[in-house]
PDB file of N, CA and C in Angstrom:
ATOM      1  N   MET A   1     -12.973 -47.436 -50.007  1.00  0.00           N
ATOM      2  CA  MET A   1     -11.364 -47.532 -49.867  1.00  0.00           C
ATOM      3  C   MET A   1     -11.463 -47.651 -48.959  1.00  0.00           C
ATOM      4  N   THR A   2     -10.948 -48.872 -48.080  1.00  0.00           N
ATOM      5  CA  THR A   2     -10.149 -49.054 -46.644  1.00  0.00           C
ATOM      6  C   THR A   2      -8.988 -48.692 -46.089  1.00  0.00           C
ATOM      7  N   ARG A   3      -8.856 -47.880 -44.858  1.00  0.00           N
ATOM      8  CA  ARG A   3      -7.742 -47.625 -44.424  1.00  0.00           C
ATOM      9  C   ARG A   3      -7.395 -47.657 -42.717  1.00  0.00           C
ATOM     10  N   PHE A   4      -5.153 -48.531 -42.860  1.00  0.00           N
ATOM     11  CA  PHE A   4      -5.829 -48.879 -41.126  1.00  0.00           C
ATOM     12  C   PHE A   4      -4.247 -48.038 -40.906  1.00  0.00           C
ATOM     13  N   LEU A   5      -4.488 -47.596 -40.549  1.00  0.00           N
ATOM     14  CA  LEU A   5      -2.870 -47.300 -39.815  1.00  0.00           C
ATOM     15  C   LEU A   5      -1.832 -48.953 -38.963  1.00  0.00           C
ATOM     16  N   ILE A   6      -0.553 -48.614 -39.291  1.00  0.00           N
ATOM     17  CA  ILE A   6       0.060 -49.652 -39.386  1.00  0.00           C
ATOM     18  C   ILE A   6       1.354 -48.678 -38.140  1.00  0.00           C
ATOM     19  N   CYS A   7       1.375 -47.479 -37.861  1.00  0.00           N
ATOM     20  CA  CYS A   7       2.345 -47.142 -37.432  1.00  0.00           C
ATOM     21  C   CYS A   7       2.123 -45.505 -37.105  1.00  0.00           C
ATOM     22  N   GLU A   8       2.668 -45.124 -35.641  1.00  0.00           N
ATOM     23  CA  GLU A   8       2.948 -43.412 -36.660  1.00  0.00           C
ATOM     24  C   GLU A   8       4.756 -43.240 -35.847  1.00  0.00           C
ATOM     25  N   HIS A   9       4.545 -42.795 -36.115  1.00  0.00           N
ATOM     26  CA  HIS A   9       6.271 -41.573 -35.298  1.00  0.00           C
ATOM     27  C   HIS A   9       6.077 -40.470 -35.432  1.00  0.00           C
ATOM     28  N   GLU A  10       7.606 -40.194 -33.735  1.00  0.00           N
ATOM     29  CA  GLU A  10       7.898 -39.344 -33.121  1.00  0.00           C
ATOM     30  C   GLU A  10       8.779 -38.697 -33.437  1.00  0.00           C
ATOM     31  N   GLY A  11       9.489 -37.978 -33.719  1.00  0.00           N
ATOM     32  CA  GLY A  11      10.758 -37.701 -33.491  1.00  0.00           C
ATOM     33  C   GLY A  11      11.774 -37.344 -33.026  1.00  0.00           C
ATOM     34  N   GLN A  12      12.995 -36.557 -33.273  1.00  0.00           N
ATOM     35  CA  GLN A  12      13.527 -36.187 -33.008  1.00  0.00           C
ATOM     36  C   GLN A  12      13.421 -34.485 -33.180  1.00  0.00           C
ATOM     37  N   ARG A  13      12.677 -34.367 -33.539  1.00  0.00           N
ATOM     38  CA  ARG A  13      11.532 -32.787 -33.511  1.00  0.00           C
ATOM     39  C   ARG A  13       9.777 -33.004 -33.327  1.00  0.00           C
ATOM     40  N   PRO A  14       9.947 -32.403 -32.054  1.00  0.00           N
ATOM     41  CA  PRO A  14       9.168 -33.111 -31.170  1.00  0.00           C
ATOM     42  C   PRO A  14       7.517 -31.603 -32.277  1.00  0.00           C
ATOM     43  N   ASP A  15       7.806 -31.398 -33.044  1.00  0.00           N
ATOM     44  CA  ASP A  15       6.905 -30.623 -33.544  1.00  0.00           C
ATOM     45  C   ASP A  15       6.480 -31.449 -34.640  1.00  0.00           C
ATOM     46  N   ARG A  16       6.817 -32.982 -35.570  1.00  0.00           N
ATOM     47  CA  ARG A  16       6.998 -33.015 -36.484  1.00  0.00           C
ATOM     48  C   ARG A  16       6.333 -34.662 -35.745  1.00  0.00           C
ATOM     49  N   GLU A  17       5.226 -35.317 -36.857  1.00  0.00           N
ATOM     50  CA  GLU A  17       5.246 -36.602 -37.183  1.00  0.00           C
ATOM     51  C   GLU A  17       4.450 -37.303 -37.854  1.00  0.00           C
ATOM     52  N   ALA A  18       4.300 -38.290 -38.391  1.00  0.00           N
ATOM     53  CA  ALA A  18       3.693 -39.440 -39.505  1.00  0.00           C
ATOM     54  C   ALA A  18       3.507 -40.866 -39.521  1.00  0.00           C
ATOM     55  N   LYS A  19       2.539 -40.649 -40.043  1.00  0.00           N
ATOM     56  CA  LYS A  19       1.910 -41.918 -39.311  1.00  0.00           C
ATOM     57  C   LYS A  19       1.305 -43.018 -41.014  1.00  0.00           C
ATOM     58  N   VAL A  20       1.467 -44.154 -40.721  1.00  0.00           N
ATOM     59  CA  VAL A  20       1.218 -44.905 -42.244  1.00  0.00           C
ATOM     60  C   VAL A  20       0.441 -45.766 -42.137  1.00  0.00           C
ATOM     61  N   TYR A  21      -0.364 -45.601 -43.258  1.00  0.00           N
ATOM     62  CA  TYR A  21      -1.252 -46.274 -43.545  1.00  0.00           C
ATOM     63  C   TYR A  21      -1.258 -47.204 -44.869  1.00  0.00           C
ATOM     64  N   HIS A  22      -2.347 -49.116 -44.475  1.00  0.00           N
ATOM     65  CA  HIS A  22      -2.333 -49.167 -45.856  1.00  0.00           C
ATOM     66  C   HIS A  22      -2.949 -48.993 -45.299  1.00  0.00           C
ATOM     67  N   ILE A  23      -3.488 -48.548 -47.231  1.00  0.00           N
ATOM     68  CA  ILE A  23      -4.863 -48.716 -48.159  1.00  0.00           C
ATOM     69  C   ILE A  23      -5.092 -49.965 -48.348  1.00  0.00           C
ATOM     70  N   THR A  24      -6.428 -50.480 -48.538  1.00  0.00           N
ATOM     71  CA  THR A  24      -6.745 -51.967 -49.303  1.00  0.00           C
ATOM     72  C   THR A  24      -7.894 -51.504 -50.401  1.00  0.00           C
ATOM     73  N   ASP A  25      -7.819 -51.312 -52.099  1.00  0.00           N
ATOM     74  CA  ASP A  25      -8.192 -51.304 -53.304  1.00  0.00           C
ATOM     75  C   ASP A  25      -8.148 -52.105 -53.599  1.00  0.00           C
ATOM     76  N   ILE A  26      -8.475 -51.515 -54.764  1.00  0.00           N
ATOM     77  CA  ILE A  26      -7.816 -53.191 -56.047  1.00  0.00           C
ATOM     78  C   ILE A  26      -6.624 -53.431 -55.877  1.00  0.00           C
ATOM     79  N   GLU A  27      -5.836 -52.797 -55.163  1.00  0.00           N
ATOM     80  CA  GLU A  27      -4.346 -52.626 -55.275  1.00  0.00           C
ATOM     81  C   GLU A  27      -3.705 -53.036 -53.900  1.00  0.00           C
ATOM     82  N   ASP A  28      -3.218 -53.593 -52.299  1.00  0.00           N
ATOM     83  CA  ASP A  28      -2.476 -52.924 -51.131  1.00  0.00           C
ATOM     84  C   ASP A  28      -1.491 -52.214 -51.654  1.00  0.00           C
ATOM     85  N   ASN A  29      -1.643 -50.380 -51.255  1.00  0.00           N
ATOM     86  CA  ASN A  29      -0.772 -48.984 -51.395  1.00  0.00           C
ATOM     87  C   ASN A  29      -1.100 -49.010 -50.039  1.00  0.00           C
ATOM     88  N   HIS A  30       0.144 -47.444 -50.027  1.00  0.00           N
ATOM     89  CA  HIS A  30       0.872 -47.548 -48.417  1.00  0.00           C
ATOM     90  C   HIS A  30       0.153 -45.954 -48.940  1.00  0.00           C
ATOM     91  N   GLU A  31      -0.019 -45.589 -47.590  1.00  0.00           N
ATOM     92  CA  GLU A  31      -0.311 -43.472 -46.933  1.00  0.00           C
ATOM     93  C   GLU A  31       0.541 -43.158 -46.090  1.00  0.00           C
ATOM     94  N   VAL A  32       1.317 -42.285 -45.961  1.00  0.00           N
ATOM     95  CA  VAL A  32       2.185 -41.671 -45.823  1.00  0.00           C
ATOM     96  C   VAL A  32       1.385 -40.319 -45.400  1.00  0.00           C
ATOM     97  N   HIS A  33       0.684 -39.916 -44.222  1.00  0.00           N
ATOM     98  CA  HIS A  33       0.758 -38.600 -43.485  1.00  0.00           C
ATOM     99  C   HIS A  33       1.493 -38.076 -42.515  1.00  0.00           C
ATOM    100  N   LEU A  34       1.942 -36.614 -43.237  1.00  0.00           N
ATOM    101  CA  LEU A  34       3.434 -36.320 -42.685  1.00  0.00           C
ATOM    102  C   LEU A  34       2.807 -34.727 -42.085  1.00  0.00           C
ATOM    103  N   PHE A  35       3.148 -34.617 -41.391  1.00  0.00           N
ATOM    104  CA  PHE A  35       2.579 -33.812 -40.174  1.00  0.00           C
ATOM    105  C   PHE A  35       3.462 -32.304 -39.632  1.00  0.00           C
ATOM    106  N   GLU A  36       3.180 -31.637 -38.836  1.00  0.00           N
ATOM    107  CA  GLU A  36       4.454 -30.400 -38.820  1.00  0.00           C
ATOM    108  C   GLU A  36       3.117 -29.529 -37.979  1.00  0.00           C
ATOM    109  N   ASN A  37       3.450 -29.265 -36.117  1.00  0.00           N
ATOM    110  CA  ASN A  37       2.742 -28.282 -35.672  1.00  0.00           C
ATOM    111  C   ASN A  37       1.501 -28.875 -35.793  1.00  0.00           C
ATOM    112  N   ASP A  38       1.239 -30.673 -35.614  1.00  0.00           N
ATOM    113  CA  ASP A  38      -0.213 -31.193 -35.872  1.00  0.00           C
ATOM    114  C   ASP A  38      -1.631 -30.511 -37.014  1.00  0.00           C
ATOM    115  N   GLU A  39      -0.740 -30.433 -38.103  1.00  0.00           N
ATOM    116  CA  GLU A  39      -1.551 -29.721 -39.267  1.00  0.00           C
ATOM    117  C   GLU A  39      -0.729 -30.792 -40.417  1.00  0.00           C
ATOM    118  N   LEU A  40      -2.076 -31.697 -41.269  1.00  0.00           N
ATOM    119  CA  LEU A  40      -0.912 -32.210 -42.938  1.00  0.00           C
ATOM    120  C   LEU A  40      -0.552 -31.036 -43.267  1.00  0.00           C
ATOM    121  N   VAL A  41       1.314 -31.757 -43.573  1.00  0.00           N
ATOM    122  CA  VAL A  41       1.860 -31.223 -45.323  1.00  0.00           C
ATOM    123  C   VAL A  41       2.247 -31.555 -46.145  1.00  0.00           C
ATOM    124  N   GLU A  42       1.948 -32.803 -45.703  1.00  0.00           N
ATOM    125  CA  GLU A  42       2.531 -33.729 -46.839  1.00  0.00           C
ATOM    126  C   GLU A  42       1.383 -34.657 -46.671  1.00  0.00           C
ATOM    127  N   MET A  43       1.257 -35.711 -47.413  1.00  0.00           N
ATOM    128  CA  MET A  43       0.507 -36.672 -48.502  1.00  0.00           C
ATOM    129  C   MET A  43       1.372 -37.498 -49.083  1.00  0.00           C
ATOM    130  N   ARG A  44       2.100 -38.176 -49.929  1.00  0.00           N
ATOM    131  CA  ARG A  44       2.299 -39.097 -50.025  1.00  0.00           C
ATOM    132  C   ARG A  44       1.588 -41.439 -50.374  1.00  0.00           C
ATOM    133  N   ILE A  45       1.930 -41.282 -51.152  1.00  0.00           N
ATOM    134  CA  ILE A  45       1.331 -42.364 -51.087  1.00  0.00           C
ATOM    135  C   ILE A  45       2.451 -43.948 -51.974  1.00  0.00           C
ATOM    136  N   TYR A  46       2.837 -44.814 -51.330  1.00  0.00           N
ATOM    137  CA  TYR A  46       3.619 -46.225 -52.386  1.00  0.00           C
ATOM    138  C   TYR A  46       1.984 -46.790 -53.256  1.00  0.00           C
ATOM    139  N   TYR A  47       2.379 -46.846 -53.755  1.00  0.00           N
ATOM    140  CA  TYR A  47       1.946 -47.788 -54.850  1.00  0.00           C
ATOM    141  C   TYR A  47       2.962 -49.480 -54.752  1.00  0.00           C
ATOM    142  N   LYS A  48       1.580 -50.212 -54.403  1.00  0.00           N
ATOM    143  CA  LYS A  48       2.571 -51.987 -54.265  1.00  0.00           C
ATOM    144  C   LYS A  48       2.556 -52.481 -55.627  1.00  0.00           C
ATOM    145  N   SER A  49       4.747 -52.458 -55.673  1.00  0.00           N
ATOM    146  CA  SER A  49       4.659 -53.129 -57.065  1.00  0.00           C
ATOM    147  C   SER A  49       4.851 -54.967 -55.763  1.00  0.00           C
ATOM    148  N   SER A  50       5.524 -54.647 -54.640  1.00  0.00           N
ATOM    149  CA  SER A  50       5.302 -55.609 -54.159  1.00  0.00           C
ATOM    150  C   SER A  50       5.136 -55.125 -52.308  1.00  0.00           C
ATOM    151  N   ARG A  51       4.690 -56.363 -51.736  1.00  0.00           N
ATOM    152  CA  ARG A  51       3.813 -55.112 -50.188  1.00  0.00           C
ATOM    153  C   ARG A  51       5.048 -55.014 -49.305  1.00  0.00           C
ATOM    154  N   ALA A  52       5.953 -55.982 -49.630  1.00  0.00           N
ATOM    155  CA  ALA A  52       7.510 -55.613 -48.470  1.00  0.00           C
ATOM    156  C   ALA A  52       7.716 -54.549 -48.919  1.00  0.00           C
ATOM    157  N   TRP A  53       7.955 -54.292 -50.615  1.00  0.00           N
ATOM    158  CA  TRP A  53       9.274 -52.668 -50.488  1.00  0.00           C
ATOM    159  C   TRP A  53       7.876 -51.205 -50.218  1.00  0.00           C
ATOM    160  N   GLY A  54       6.781 -51.756 -50.849  1.00  0.00           N
ATOM    161  CA  GLY A  54       6.201 -50.381 -50.427  1.00  0.00           C
ATOM    162  C   GLY A  54       5.683 -49.827 -48.572  1.00  0.00           C
ATOM    163  N   GLU A  55       5.410 -51.350 -47.472  1.00  0.00           N
ATOM    164  CA  GLU A  55       5.093 -51.207 -46.385  1.00  0.00           C
ATOM    165  C   GLU A  55       6.621 -50.500 -45.664  1.00  0.00           C
ATOM    166  N   THR A  56       7.871 -50.750 -46.694  1.00  0.00           N
ATOM    167  CA  THR A  56       8.793 -50.483 -45.766  1.00  0.00           C
ATOM    168  C   THR A  56       9.705 -48.883 -46.203  1.00  0.00           C
ATOM    169  N   THR A  57       9.460 -48.754 -47.713  1.00  0.00           N
ATOM    170  CA  THR A  57       9.730 -47.594 -48.346  1.00  0.00           C
ATOM    171  C   THR A  57       8.857 -46.378 -47.467  1.00  0.00           C
ATOM    172  N   ALA A  58       7.647 -46.397 -47.221  1.00  0.00           N
ATOM    173  CA  ALA A  58       6.387 -45.535 -46.189  1.00  0.00           C
ATOM    174  C   ALA A  58       7.512 -45.782 -45.275  1.00  0.00           C
ATOM    175  N   ILE A  59       7.381 -46.403 -44.348  1.00  0.00           N
ATOM    176  CA  ILE A  59       8.001 -46.355 -43.025  1.00  0.00           C
ATOM    177  C   ILE A  59       9.201 -45.702 -42.720  1.00  0.00           C
ATOM    178  N   ASP A  60      10.130 -45.515 -43.552  1.00  0.00           N
ATOM    179  CA  ASP A  60      11.464 -44.862 -43.814  1.00  0.00           C
ATOM    180  C   ASP A  60      11.013 -43.688 -44.238  1.00  0.00           C
ATOM    181  N   THR A  61      10.401 -43.067 -44.517  1.00  0.00           N
ATOM    182  CA  THR A  61       9.838 -41.966 -45.139  1.00  0.00           C
ATOM    183  C   THR A  61       9.350 -40.960 -43.710  1.00  0.00           C
ATOM    184  N   ALA A  62       8.805 -42.222 -42.961  1.00  0.00           N
ATOM    185  CA  ALA A  62       7.674 -41.274 -41.567  1.00  0.00           C
ATOM    186  C   ALA A  62       9.199 -40.816 -41.008  1.00  0.00           C
ATOM    187  N   GLU A  63      10.079 -41.797 -41.184  1.00  0.00           N
ATOM    188  CA  GLU A  63      10.813 -42.369 -40.050  1.00  0.00           C
ATOM    189  C   GLU A  63      12.310 -41.014 -40.323  1.00  0.00           C
ATOM    190  N   LYS A  64      11.916 -40.654 -41.898  1.00  0.00           N
ATOM    191  CA  LYS A  64      12.777 -39.286 -42.252  1.00  0.00           C
ATOM    192  C   LYS A  64      12.513 -37.948 -42.647  1.00  0.00           C
ATOM    193  N   TRP A  65      11.203 -37.875 -41.856  1.00  0.00           N
ATOM    194  CA  TRP A  65      10.282 -37.187 -42.099  1.00  0.00           C
ATOM    195  C   TRP A  65      10.736 -36.424 -40.756  1.00  0.00           C
ATOM    196  N   CYS A  66       9.931 -37.298 -39.565  1.00  0.00           N
ATOM    197  CA  CYS A  66      10.447 -37.249 -38.321  1.00  0.00           C
ATOM    198  C   CYS A  66      11.631 -36.725 -38.007  1.00  0.00           C
ATOM    199  N   LEU A  67      13.066 -37.062 -38.767  1.00  0.00           N
ATOM    200  CA  LEU A  67      13.838 -37.061 -38.234  1.00  0.00           C
ATOM    201  C   LEU A  67      15.441 -35.806 -38.855  1.00  0.00           C
ATOM    202  N   GLY A  68      13.835 -35.133 -39.188  1.00  0.00           N
ATOM    203  CA  GLY A  68      14.351 -33.809 -40.355  1.00  0.00           C
ATOM    204  C   GLY A  68      15.297 -33.978 -41.569  1.00  0.00           C
ATOM    205  N   LEU A  69      15.197 -35.407 -42.092  1.00  0.00           N
ATOM    206  CA  LEU A  69      15.657 -35.269 -43.145  1.00  0.00           C
ATOM    207  C   LEU A  69      15.370 -34.929 -44.711  1.00  0.00           C
ATOM    208  N   ILE A  70      13.489 -34.518 -44.040  1.00  0.00           N
ATOM    209  CA  ILE A  70      12.826 -34.168 -46.024  1.00  0.00           C
ATOM    210  C   ILE A  70      12.628 -33.023 -45.382  1.00  0.00           C
ATOM    211  N   HIS A  71      12.552 -32.247 -45.882  1.00  0.00           N
ATOM    212  CA  HIS A  71      11.922 -30.423 -46.278  1.00  0.00           C
ATOM    213  C   HIS A  71      11.175 -30.361 -46.317  1.00  0.00           C
TER     214      HIS A  71
END
């Protein structure tokens, strides 16, 4: 499995950060790593149903985490 960093987010809450990766394996999936105080809190995987949908949803999740909309 190969992982490519697509984007990083830091937001309104300085203690939160998120990284979005494109995962190449059998299908192209997206993985979001959610950090709080530099510690990995959660990892979410968005499986490909269409490339645009998976990437858009992953980036939206990263933004919402950094804005404090995901607890």
